[in-house]
C-alpha atoms as a PDB file:
ATOM      1  CA  MET A   1     -21.947 -14.575  21.054  1.00  0.00           C
ATOM      2  CA  ASP A   2     -21.685 -18.627  21.377  1.00  0.00           C
ATOM      3  CA  ARG A   3     -20.532 -18.705  25.431  1.00  0.00           C
ATOM      4  CA  ALA A   4     -20.547 -22.231  25.671  1.00  0.00           C
ATOM      5  CA  GLN A   5     -17.781 -22.447  22.159  1.00  0.00           C
ATOM      6  CA  LEU A   6     -16.027 -19.608  23.533  1.00  0.00           C
ATOM      7  CA  ALA A   7     -15.856 -21.004  27.121  1.00  0.00           C
ATOM      8  CA  ASP A   8     -14.640 -24.689  25.047  1.00  0.00           C
ATOM      9  CA  PHE A   9     -12.362 -22.869  22.756  1.00  0.00           C
ATOM     10  CA  LEU A  10     -10.528 -21.051  25.212  1.00  0.00           C
ATOM     11  CA  ARG A  11     -10.203 -24.149  27.719  1.00  0.00           C
ATOM     12  CA  THR A  12      -8.583 -26.379  25.602  1.00  0.00           C
ATOM     13  CA  ARG A  13      -6.085 -23.600  24.441  1.00  0.00           C
ATOM     14  CA  ARG A  14      -5.424 -22.917  27.701  1.00  0.00           C
ATOM     15  CA  GLU A  15      -4.803 -26.441  28.582  1.00  0.00           C
ATOM     16  CA  ALA A  16      -2.438 -26.677  25.427  1.00  0.00           C
ATOM     17  CA  LEU A  17       0.260 -24.499  26.180  1.00  0.00           C
ATOM     18  CA  ARG A  18       2.844 -25.475  28.644  1.00  0.00           C
ATOM     19  CA  PRO A  19       4.354 -22.685  30.920  1.00  0.00           C
ATOM     20  CA  GLU A  20       7.580 -22.286  29.142  1.00  0.00           C
ATOM     21  CA  ASP A  21       5.850 -21.651  26.370  1.00  0.00           C
ATOM     22  CA  VAL A  22       4.723 -18.497  27.687  1.00  0.00           C
ATOM     23  CA  GLY A  23       8.148 -17.823  29.280  1.00  0.00           C
ATOM     24  CA  LEU A  24       6.360 -18.771  32.747  1.00  0.00           C
ATOM     25  CA  PRO A  25       8.551 -21.556  35.192  1.00  0.00           C
ATOM     26  CA  ARG A  26       6.752 -24.664  35.520  1.00  0.00           C
ATOM     27  CA  GLY A  27       7.015 -25.745  39.030  1.00  0.00           C
ATOM     28  CA  SER A  28       7.537 -28.172  41.353  1.00  0.00           C
ATOM     29  CA  ARG A  29       3.961 -28.744  42.687  1.00  0.00           C
ATOM     30  CA  ARG A  30       2.156 -28.345  38.739  1.00  0.00           C
ATOM     31  CA  ARG A  31      -0.188 -31.061  38.633  1.00  0.00           C
ATOM     32  CA  THR A  32      -0.988 -30.332  34.620  1.00  0.00           C
ATOM     33  CA  GLY A  33       0.699 -29.275  31.821  1.00  0.00           C
ATOM     34  CA  GLY A  34      -1.947 -26.627  30.754  1.00  0.00           C
ATOM     35  CA  LEU A  35      -1.869 -23.081  31.826  1.00  0.00           C
ATOM     36  CA  ARG A  36      -4.213 -22.235  34.953  1.00  0.00           C
ATOM     37  CA  ARG A  37      -6.827 -19.125  34.240  1.00  0.00           C
ATOM     38  CA  GLU A  38      -5.101 -17.197  36.496  1.00  0.00           C
ATOM     39  CA  GLU A  39      -1.868 -17.253  34.266  1.00  0.00           C
ATOM     40  CA  VAL A  40      -3.952 -16.715  30.998  1.00  0.00           C
ATOM     41  CA  ALA A  41      -5.561 -13.451  32.909  1.00  0.00           C
ATOM     42  CA  ALA A  42      -2.505 -12.253  33.879  1.00  0.00           C
ATOM     43  CA  LEU A  43      -0.915 -12.328  30.386  1.00  0.00           C
ATOM     44  CA  ALA A  44      -4.008 -10.825  29.025  1.00  0.00           C
ATOM     45  CA  GLY A  45      -3.345  -7.826  31.291  1.00  0.00           C
ATOM     46  CA  MET A  46      -6.905  -8.711  32.834  1.00  0.00           C
ATOM     47  CA  SER A  47      -8.081  -9.654  36.790  1.00  0.00           C
ATOM     48  CA  ALA A  48      -8.626 -13.882  37.051  1.00  0.00           C
ATOM     49  CA  ASP A  49     -12.222 -13.353  38.024  1.00  0.00           C
ATOM     50  CA  TYR A  50     -12.984 -11.172  34.912  1.00  0.00           C
ATOM     51  CA  TYR A  51     -10.961 -14.826  32.977  1.00  0.00           C
ATOM     52  CA  GLY A  52     -12.971 -17.142  34.788  1.00  0.00           C
ATOM     53  CA  ARG A  53     -16.091 -15.952  33.993  1.00  0.00           C
ATOM     54  CA  ILE A  54     -15.245 -16.202  30.332  1.00  0.00           C
ATOM     55  CA  GLU A  55     -14.372 -19.639  30.678  1.00  0.00           C
ATOM     56  CA  GLN A  56     -17.507 -20.528  33.181  1.00  0.00           C
ATOM     57  CA  ARG A  57     -19.792 -19.403  30.558  1.00  0.00           C
ATOM     58  CA  ARG A  58     -21.427 -16.396  32.135  1.00  0.00           C
ATOM     59  CA  GLY A  59     -20.279 -12.821  32.498  1.00  0.00           C
ATOM     60  CA  PRO A  60     -20.298  -9.878  30.082  1.00  0.00           C
ATOM     61  CA  ALA A  61     -19.608 -10.506  26.688  1.00  0.00           C
ATOM     62  CA  PRO A  62     -15.707  -9.254  25.891  1.00  0.00           C
ATOM     63  CA  SER A  63     -14.834  -6.212  24.309  1.00  0.00           C
ATOM     64  CA  GLU A  64     -13.004  -6.536  21.092  1.00  0.00           C
ATOM     65  CA  GLN A  65      -9.632  -5.583  22.997  1.00  0.00           C
ATOM     66  CA  MET A  66     -10.179  -7.576  25.500  1.00  0.00           C
ATOM     67  CA  LEU A  67     -10.431 -10.874  22.896  1.00  0.00           C
ATOM     68  CA  ALA A  68      -7.108  -9.286  21.208  1.00  0.00           C
ATOM     69  CA  ALA A  69      -5.447  -9.412  24.685  1.00  0.00           C
ATOM     70  CA  ILE A  70      -6.594 -12.979  25.437  1.00  0.00           C
ATOM     71  CA  ALA A  71      -5.321 -14.230  21.697  1.00  0.00           C
ATOM     72  CA  ARG A  72      -2.426 -12.889  22.520  1.00  0.00           C
ATOM     73  CA  ALA A  73      -2.061 -14.184  25.834  1.00  0.00           C
ATOM     74  CA  LEU A  74      -2.784 -17.586  24.139  1.00  0.00           C
ATOM     75  CA  HIS A  75      -0.628 -17.045  21.108  1.00  0.00           C
ATOM     76  CA  LEU A  76      -3.454 -18.144  18.791  1.00  0.00           C
ATOM     77  CA  SER A  77      -3.086 -18.138  15.254  1.00  0.00           C
ATOM     78  CA  LEU A  78      -4.717 -15.673  12.965  1.00  0.00           C
ATOM     79  CA  ALA A  79      -7.232 -18.095  12.259  1.00  0.00           C
ATOM     80  CA  GLU A  80      -7.484 -18.364  15.386  1.00  0.00           C
ATOM     81  CA  ARG A  81      -7.666 -15.214  16.310  1.00  0.00           C
ATOM     82  CA  ASP A  82     -10.753 -14.731  14.005  1.00  0.00           C
ATOM     83  CA  HIS A  83     -11.944 -17.540  15.527  1.00  0.00           C
ATOM     84  CA  LEU A  84     -11.878 -16.323  18.863  1.00  0.00           C
ATOM     85  CA  PHE A  85     -13.571 -12.837  17.732  1.00  0.00           C
ATOM     86  CA  ARG A  86     -16.516 -14.622  15.765  1.00  0.00           C
ATOM     87  CA  LEU A  87     -17.466 -17.043  18.910  1.00  0.00           C
ATOM     88  CA  GLY A  88     -16.807 -13.573  21.038  1.00  0.00           C
ATOM     89  CA  GLY A  89     -19.963 -11.766  18.842  1.00  0.00           C
ATOM     90  CA  HIS A  90     -17.401  -9.481  17.079  1.00  0.00           C
ATOM     91  CA  PRO A  91     -16.339  -9.144  13.548  1.00  0.00           C
ATOM     92  CA  THR A  92     -12.881 -10.719  12.501  1.00  0.00           C
ATOM     93  CA  PRO A  93     -10.315  -7.696  12.612  1.00  0.00           C
ATOM     94  CA  GLN A  94      -9.267  -6.766   9.059  1.00  0.00           C
ATOM     95  CA  ARG A  95      -6.115  -8.348   8.268  1.00  0.00           C
ATOM     96  CA  VAL A  96      -5.563  -5.607   4.955  1.00  0.00           C
ATOM     97  CA  SER A  97      -6.071  -2.746   7.626  1.00  0.00           C
ATOM     98  CA  ARG A  98      -4.617  -3.922  10.921  1.00  0.00           C
ATOM     99  CA  ASP A  99      -1.279  -5.736  11.594  1.00  0.00           C
ATOM    100  CA  ASP A 100      -1.077  -6.022  15.662  1.00  0.00           C
ATOM    101  CA  HIS A 101      -1.223  -9.448  15.694  1.00  0.00           C
ATOM    102  CA  ILE A 102       1.886 -11.237  16.829  1.00  0.00           C
ATOM    103  CA  SER A 103       2.528 -14.735  14.922  1.00  0.00           C
ATOM    104  CA  PRO A 104       2.844 -17.513  17.888  1.00  0.00           C
ATOM    105  CA  GLY A 105       6.474 -18.380  16.782  1.00  0.00           C
ATOM    106  CA  MET A 106       7.266 -14.383  17.616  1.00  0.00           C
ATOM    107  CA  MET A 107       5.749 -14.527  20.722  1.00  0.00           C
ATOM    108  CA  ARG A 108       7.411 -17.535  21.885  1.00  0.00           C
ATOM    109  CA  ILE A 109      10.930 -16.012  21.021  1.00  0.00           C
ATOM    110  CA  VAL A 110       9.508 -12.582  23.282  1.00  0.00           C
ATOM    111  CA  ASP A 111       8.788 -14.690  25.995  1.00  0.00           C
ATOM    112  CA  ARG A 112      12.515 -15.744  26.042  1.00  0.00           C
ATOM    113  CA  LEU A 113      13.630 -12.771  26.284  1.00  0.00           C
ATOM    114  CA  GLY A 114      12.369 -11.677  29.713  1.00  0.00           C
ATOM    115  CA  ASP A 115      15.349 -10.516  30.956  1.00  0.00           C
ATOM    116  CA  THR A 116      16.366  -8.359  27.468  1.00  0.00           C
ATOM    117  CA  ALA A 117      15.281  -4.846  26.109  1.00  0.00           C
ATOM    118  CA  ALA A 118      13.604  -6.418  22.936  1.00  0.00           C
ATOM    119  CA  MET A 119      10.280  -5.246  21.404  1.00  0.00           C
ATOM    120  CA  VAL A 120       8.050  -6.300  18.941  1.00  0.00           C
ATOM    121  CA  VAL A 121       7.197  -3.417  16.038  1.00  0.00           C
ATOM    122  CA  SER A 122       4.976  -3.353  13.238  1.00  0.00           C
ATOM    123  CA  ARG A 123       5.426  -2.280   9.610  1.00  0.00           C
ATOM    124  CA  TYR A 124       3.977   1.568  10.597  1.00  0.00           C
ATOM    125  CA  GLY A 125       6.830   1.507  13.249  1.00  0.00           C
ATOM    126  CA  GLU A 126       4.446   0.806  15.930  1.00  0.00           C
ATOM    127  CA  THR A 127       5.238  -0.459  18.799  1.00  0.00           C
ATOM    128  CA  LEU A 128       3.107  -3.986  19.529  1.00  0.00           C
ATOM    129  CA  LEU A 129       4.578  -5.398  22.458  1.00  0.00           C
ATOM    130  CA  GLN A 130       7.973  -4.663  25.021  1.00  0.00           C
ATOM    131  CA  THR A 131       9.325  -6.859  27.541  1.00  0.00           C
ATOM    132  CA  ALA A 132      10.086  -4.951  30.784  1.00  0.00           C
ATOM    133  CA  PRO A 133      13.943  -4.043  30.317  1.00  0.00           C
ATOM    134  CA  ALA A 134      12.257  -2.487  26.981  1.00  0.00           C
ATOM    135  CA  ILE A 135       9.994  -0.204  28.992  1.00  0.00           C
ATOM    136  CA  ALA A 136      12.330   0.780  31.773  1.00  0.00           C
ATOM    137  CA  LEU A 137      14.574   1.617  28.525  1.00  0.00           C
ATOM    138  CA  VAL A 138      12.381   3.641  26.343  1.00  0.00           C
ATOM    139  CA  GLY A 139       8.673   3.409  27.751  1.00  0.00           C
ATOM    140  CA  ASP A 140       5.647   1.862  27.370  1.00  0.00           C
ATOM    141  CA  GLU A 141       5.485   2.429  23.699  1.00  0.00           C
ATOM    142  CA  THR A 142       2.237   0.421  23.462  1.00  0.00           C
ATOM    143  CA  ARG A 143       0.149   3.188  25.599  1.00  0.00           C
ATOM    144  CA  PHE A 144      -0.255   5.512  22.048  1.00  0.00           C
ATOM    145  CA  THR A 145      -3.583   5.416  20.416  1.00  0.00           C
ATOM    146  CA  GLY A 146      -4.394   6.979  16.360  1.00  0.00           C
ATOM    147  CA  LEU A 147      -1.675   8.253  14.431  1.00  0.00           C
ATOM    148  CA  ALA A 148       0.496   8.380  17.734  1.00  0.00           C
ATOM    149  CA  ARG A 149       0.883   5.096  17.973  1.00  0.00           C
ATOM    150  CA  SER A 150       3.168   5.406  14.732  1.00  0.00           C
ATOM    151  CA  THR A 151       6.976   6.099  16.225  1.00  0.00           C
ATOM    152  CA  TRP A 152       7.164   8.499  12.530  1.00  0.00           C
ATOM    153  CA  TYR A 153       4.382  10.588  13.665  1.00  0.00           C
ATOM    154  CA  ARG A 154       5.446  11.376  17.127  1.00  0.00           C
ATOM    155  CA  TRP A 155       8.783  12.021  16.116  1.00  0.00           C
ATOM    156  CA  PHE A 156       7.427  15.272  13.956  1.00  0.00           C
ATOM    157  CA  THR A 157       4.626  15.926  15.833  1.00  0.00           C
ATOM    158  CA  ASP A 158       6.196  15.365  19.641  1.00  0.00           C
ATOM    159  CA  PRO A 159       8.991  17.303  21.261  1.00  0.00           C
ATOM    160  CA  ALA A 160       8.921  14.591  23.743  1.00  0.00           C
ATOM    161  CA  ALA A 161      10.067  11.894  21.257  1.00  0.00           C
ATOM    162  CA  ARG A 162      13.120  12.845  20.660  1.00  0.00           C
ATOM    163  CA  ARG A 163      14.154  12.852  24.337  1.00  0.00           C
ATOM    164  CA  LEU A 164      15.420   9.379  23.604  1.00  0.00           C
ATOM    165  CA  TYR A 165      18.215  10.509  21.371  1.00  0.00           C
ATOM    166  CA  PRO A 166      21.089  13.303  21.526  1.00  0.00           C
ATOM    167  CA  ALA A 167      20.601  16.486  19.945  1.00  0.00           C
ATOM    168  CA  GLU A 168      23.198  16.293  17.426  1.00  0.00           C
ATOM    169  CA  HIS A 169      21.378  12.891  16.219  1.00  0.00           C
ATOM    170  CA  HIS A 170      18.037  14.595  15.402  1.00  0.00           C
ATOM    171  CA  GLU A 171      18.602  15.330  12.063  1.00  0.00           C
ATOM    172  CA  ARG A 172      20.288  12.177  10.845  1.00  0.00           C
ATOM    173  CA  GLN A 173      17.443  10.229  12.717  1.00  0.00           C
ATOM    174  CA  ALA A 174      15.147  12.633  11.451  1.00  0.00           C
ATOM    175  CA  ARG A 175      15.717  11.645   7.670  1.00  0.00           C
ATOM    176  CA  ILE A 176      16.235   7.454   8.725  1.00  0.00           C
ATOM    177  CA  PHE A 177      12.269   7.699   9.949  1.00  0.00           C
ATOM    178  CA  ALA A 178      11.237   9.253   6.728  1.00  0.00           C
ATOM    179  CA  ALA A 179      12.849   6.963   4.303  1.00  0.00           C
ATOM    180  CA  GLN A 180      11.617   4.382   6.481  1.00  0.00           C
ATOM    181  CA  LEU A 181       7.976   5.615   5.857  1.00  0.00           C
ATOM    182  CA  ARG A 182       8.518   6.250   2.283  1.00  0.00           C
ATOM    183  CA  GLY A 183       9.936   2.597   1.582  1.00  0.00           C
ATOM    184  CA  VAL A 184       6.337   1.556   3.175  1.00  0.00           C
ATOM    185  CA  TYR A 185       4.428   3.873   1.662  1.00  0.00           C
ATOM    186  CA  ALA A 186       5.694   2.862  -1.958  1.00  0.00           C
ATOM    187  CA  ALA A 187       5.022  -0.886  -1.038  1.00  0.00           C
ATOM    188  CA  VAL A 188       1.930  -1.456   1.017  1.00  0.00           C
ATOM    189  CA  PRO A 189      -1.422  -0.041  -1.050  1.00  0.00           C
ATOM    190  CA  ASP A 190      -3.928  -0.128   2.018  1.00  0.00           C
ATOM    191  CA  GLY A 191      -3.444   3.663   2.367  1.00  0.00           C
ATOM    192  CA  ARG A 192      -2.591   3.393   6.148  1.00  0.00           C
ATOM    193  CA  ALA A 193       0.739   5.047   5.298  1.00  0.00           C
ATOM    194  CA  ALA A 194      -0.698   7.867   3.255  1.00  0.00           C
ATOM    195  CA  GLU A 195      -2.653   8.423   5.785  1.00  0.00           C
ATOM    196  CA  ILE A 196       0.277   8.965   8.139  1.00  0.00           C
ATOM    197  CA  VAL A 197       2.121  10.885   5.527  1.00  0.00           C
ATOM    198  CA  ALA A 198      -0.715  13.426   4.972  1.00  0.00           C
ATOM    199  CA  ALA A 199      -0.810  14.014   7.947  1.00  0.00           C
ATOM    200  CA  LEU A 200       2.637  14.892   8.643  1.00  0.00           C
ATOM    201  CA  LEU A 201       2.607  17.102   5.344  1.00  0.00           C
ATOM    202  CA  ARG A 202       0.154  19.162   7.146  1.00  0.00           C
ATOM    203  CA  ALA A 203       1.928  19.105  10.582  1.00  0.00           C
ATOM    204  CA  SER A 204       5.697  19.193   9.950  1.00  0.00           C
ATOM    205  CA  ALA A 205       7.676  21.912   7.627  1.00  0.00           C
ATOM    206  CA  GLU A 206      10.530  19.472   8.580  1.00  0.00           C
ATOM    207  CA  PHE A 207       8.955  16.390   7.698  1.00  0.00           C
ATOM    208  CA  ALA A 208       7.636  17.992   4.339  1.00  0.00           C
ATOM    209  CA  ALA A 209      11.080  19.462   3.768  1.00  0.00           C
ATOM    210  CA  ILE A 210      12.793  15.764   4.143  1.00  0.00           C
ATOM    211  CA  TRP A 211      10.149  14.715   2.473  1.00  0.00           C
ATOM    212  CA  ALA A 212      10.588  16.293  -0.967  1.00  0.00           C
ATOM    213  CA  GLU A 213      14.091  14.692  -1.463  1.00  0.00           C
ATOM    214  CA  HIS A 214      13.012  11.520  -1.565  1.00  0.00           C
ATOM    215  CA  GLU A 215      15.319   9.766   0.482  1.00  0.00           C
ATOM    216  CA  ILE A 216      15.098   5.589   0.568  1.00  0.00           C
ATOM    217  CA  GLY A 217      17.221   3.173   2.729  1.00  0.00           C
ATOM    218  CA  LEU A 218      18.692   5.063   5.519  1.00  0.00           C
ATOM    219  CA  ALA A 219      19.718   2.812   8.310  1.00  0.00           C
ATOM    220  CA  HIS A 220      21.647   2.750  11.339  1.00  0.00           C
ATOM    221  CA  THR A 221      24.923   1.352  11.134  1.00  0.00           C
ATOM    222  CA  GLY A 222      26.601   0.077  14.294  1.00  0.00           C
ATOM    223  CA  GLN A 223      25.881   1.674  17.295  1.00  0.00           C
ATOM    224  CA  LYS A 224      23.160   3.860  18.033  1.00  0.00           C
ATOM    225  CA  THR A 225      23.254   6.192  21.383  1.00  0.00           C
ATOM    226  CA  LEU A 226      19.871   6.456  23.716  1.00  0.00           C
ATOM    227  CA  LEU A 227      19.296   8.640  26.208  1.00  0.00           C
ATOM    228  CA  HIS A 228      17.590   7.200  29.758  1.00  0.00           C
ATOM    229  CA  PRO A 229      16.442  10.194  31.912  1.00  0.00           C
ATOM    230  CA  GLU A 230      18.317   8.385  34.666  1.00  0.00           C
ATOM    231  CA  LEU A 231      20.601   6.731  34.014  1.00  0.00           C
ATOM    232  CA  GLY A 232      22.213   8.885  31.099  1.00  0.00           C
ATOM    233  CA  PRO A 233      23.653   8.037  27.067  1.00  0.00           C
ATOM    234  CA  LEU A 234      23.634   4.219  26.897  1.00  0.00           C
ATOM    235  CA  ASP A 235      25.621   2.828  23.727  1.00  0.00           C
ATOM    236  CA  LEU A 236      23.576   0.070  21.924  1.00  0.00           C
ATOM    237  CA  TYR A 237      23.732  -2.174  18.971  1.00  0.00           C
ATOM    238  CA  CYS A 238      20.000  -3.019  17.573  1.00  0.00           C
ATOM    239  CA  GLN A 239      19.284  -6.300  16.434  1.00  0.00           C
ATOM    240  CA  THR A 240      16.237  -7.195  14.658  1.00  0.00           C
ATOM    241  CA  LEU A 241      14.655  -9.773  13.650  1.00  0.00           C
ATOM    242  CA  HIS A 242      11.913  -9.843  10.434  1.00  0.00           C
ATOM    243  CA  ASP A 243       8.236 -12.177  10.416  1.00  0.00           C
ATOM    244  CA  PRO A 244       8.035 -11.569   6.872  1.00  0.00           C
ATOM    245  CA  ASP A 245       4.365 -13.293   7.180  1.00  0.00           C
ATOM    246  CA  GLN A 246       3.204 -10.876   9.672  1.00  0.00           C
ATOM    247  CA  LEU A 247       5.231  -7.818   8.238  1.00  0.00           C
ATOM    248  CA  GLN A 248       6.687  -7.379  11.824  1.00  0.00           C
ATOM    249  CA  THR A 249       9.816  -6.735  13.427  1.00  0.00           C
ATOM    250  CA  LEU A 250      11.686  -7.775  16.785  1.00  0.00           C
ATOM    251  CA  LEU A 251      13.847  -5.701  17.726  1.00  0.00           C
ATOM    252  CA  VAL A 252      16.576  -6.608  21.012  1.00  0.00           C
ATOM    253  CA  PHE A 253      18.780  -4.011  22.128  1.00  0.00           C
ATOM    254  CA  THR A 254      22.248  -5.073  23.316  1.00  0.00           C
ATOM    255  CA  ALA A 255      25.239  -3.578  24.708  1.00  0.00           C
ATOM    256  CA  MET A 256      29.125  -4.412  24.483  1.00  0.00           C
ATOM    257  CA  PRO A 257      29.819  -6.999  27.837  1.00  0.00           C
ATOM    258  CA  GLY A 258      31.678  -4.883  30.042  1.00  0.00           C
ATOM    259  CA  SER A 259      30.553  -1.551  28.875  1.00  0.00           C
ATOM    260  CA  PRO A 260      29.059   0.921  31.111  1.00  0.00           C
ATOM    261  CA  SER A 261      26.243   0.569  28.302  1.00  0.00           C
ATOM    262  CA  TYR A 262      25.830  -3.030  29.295  1.00  0.00           C
ATOM    263  CA  GLU A 263      26.220  -2.388  32.868  1.00  0.00           C
ATOM    264  CA  LYS A 264      23.084   0.149  32.390  1.00  0.00           C
ATOM    265  CA  LEU A 265      21.229  -2.456  30.678  1.00  0.00           C
ATOM    266  CA  GLN A 266      21.708  -5.128  33.303  1.00  0.00           C
ATOM    267  CA  LEU A 267      20.707  -2.463  35.822  1.00  0.00           C
ATOM    268  CA  LEU A 268      17.050  -1.472  33.534  1.00  0.00           C
ATOM    269  CA  ALA A 269      16.782  -5.251  33.239  1.00  0.00           C
ATOM    270  CA  ALA A 270      16.656  -5.690  36.940  1.00  0.00           C
ATOM    271  CA  VAL A 271      14.543  -2.646  37.580  1.00  0.00           C
ATOM    272  CA  GLY A 272      12.290  -4.136  34.771  1.00  0.00           C
ATOM    273  CA  ALA A 273      11.944  -7.302  36.610  1.00  0.00           C
END
């Protein structure tokens, strides 16, 4: 670990960011254009004291998880993230087997959607980032580990994953998820999709039966209904934005203005804030 270089790198990247770059208000009392240390710490989900000690060349060596959180908070590019890991004394994340780094451009978009239910999903159906309203809508989907990180895996192995959809939509949703997994399984040769498929074939007779039909290209059309435990059903549209470089997708949930679902989304935005 190179404490001096790590501290210098973090400081320069922090000072290069403006508050509006990460969705923060500038405020009338701000004297410098860059972010404050405590702001980076808050964005990374760590204490200001912990982050401050890293920039002051003291304290314990940060873990890979901490470095990943800092990279996301500072909107680092892939090259910058890899450099950060090397300075922190860790091997760089394998880009083939891990695609959980969100590009700076995508992060800037998400930062401007703070009052909107939006989430970034990997090509394996893993939720990488959610706005507060999205967490209020579907729960914190970033908390899962292992195979359970994948929505596809949870759908066929965890009954709680199905509570988000009306029972009459379960069969269709299962086929859509299986078709999405099939597309990635055929296109991505790194084995992760194959690992999910193999695990599901062992764990779920339902998945095995659907998988045997070899359906492809199924998708939602028009509105989809989600069930909230307190607000009930919401009829929503799901707009998508694809990042071809990272192979990630931004999902943005909207409702028809003036509809009951629109009012519920507004309430979730206020709860999330």
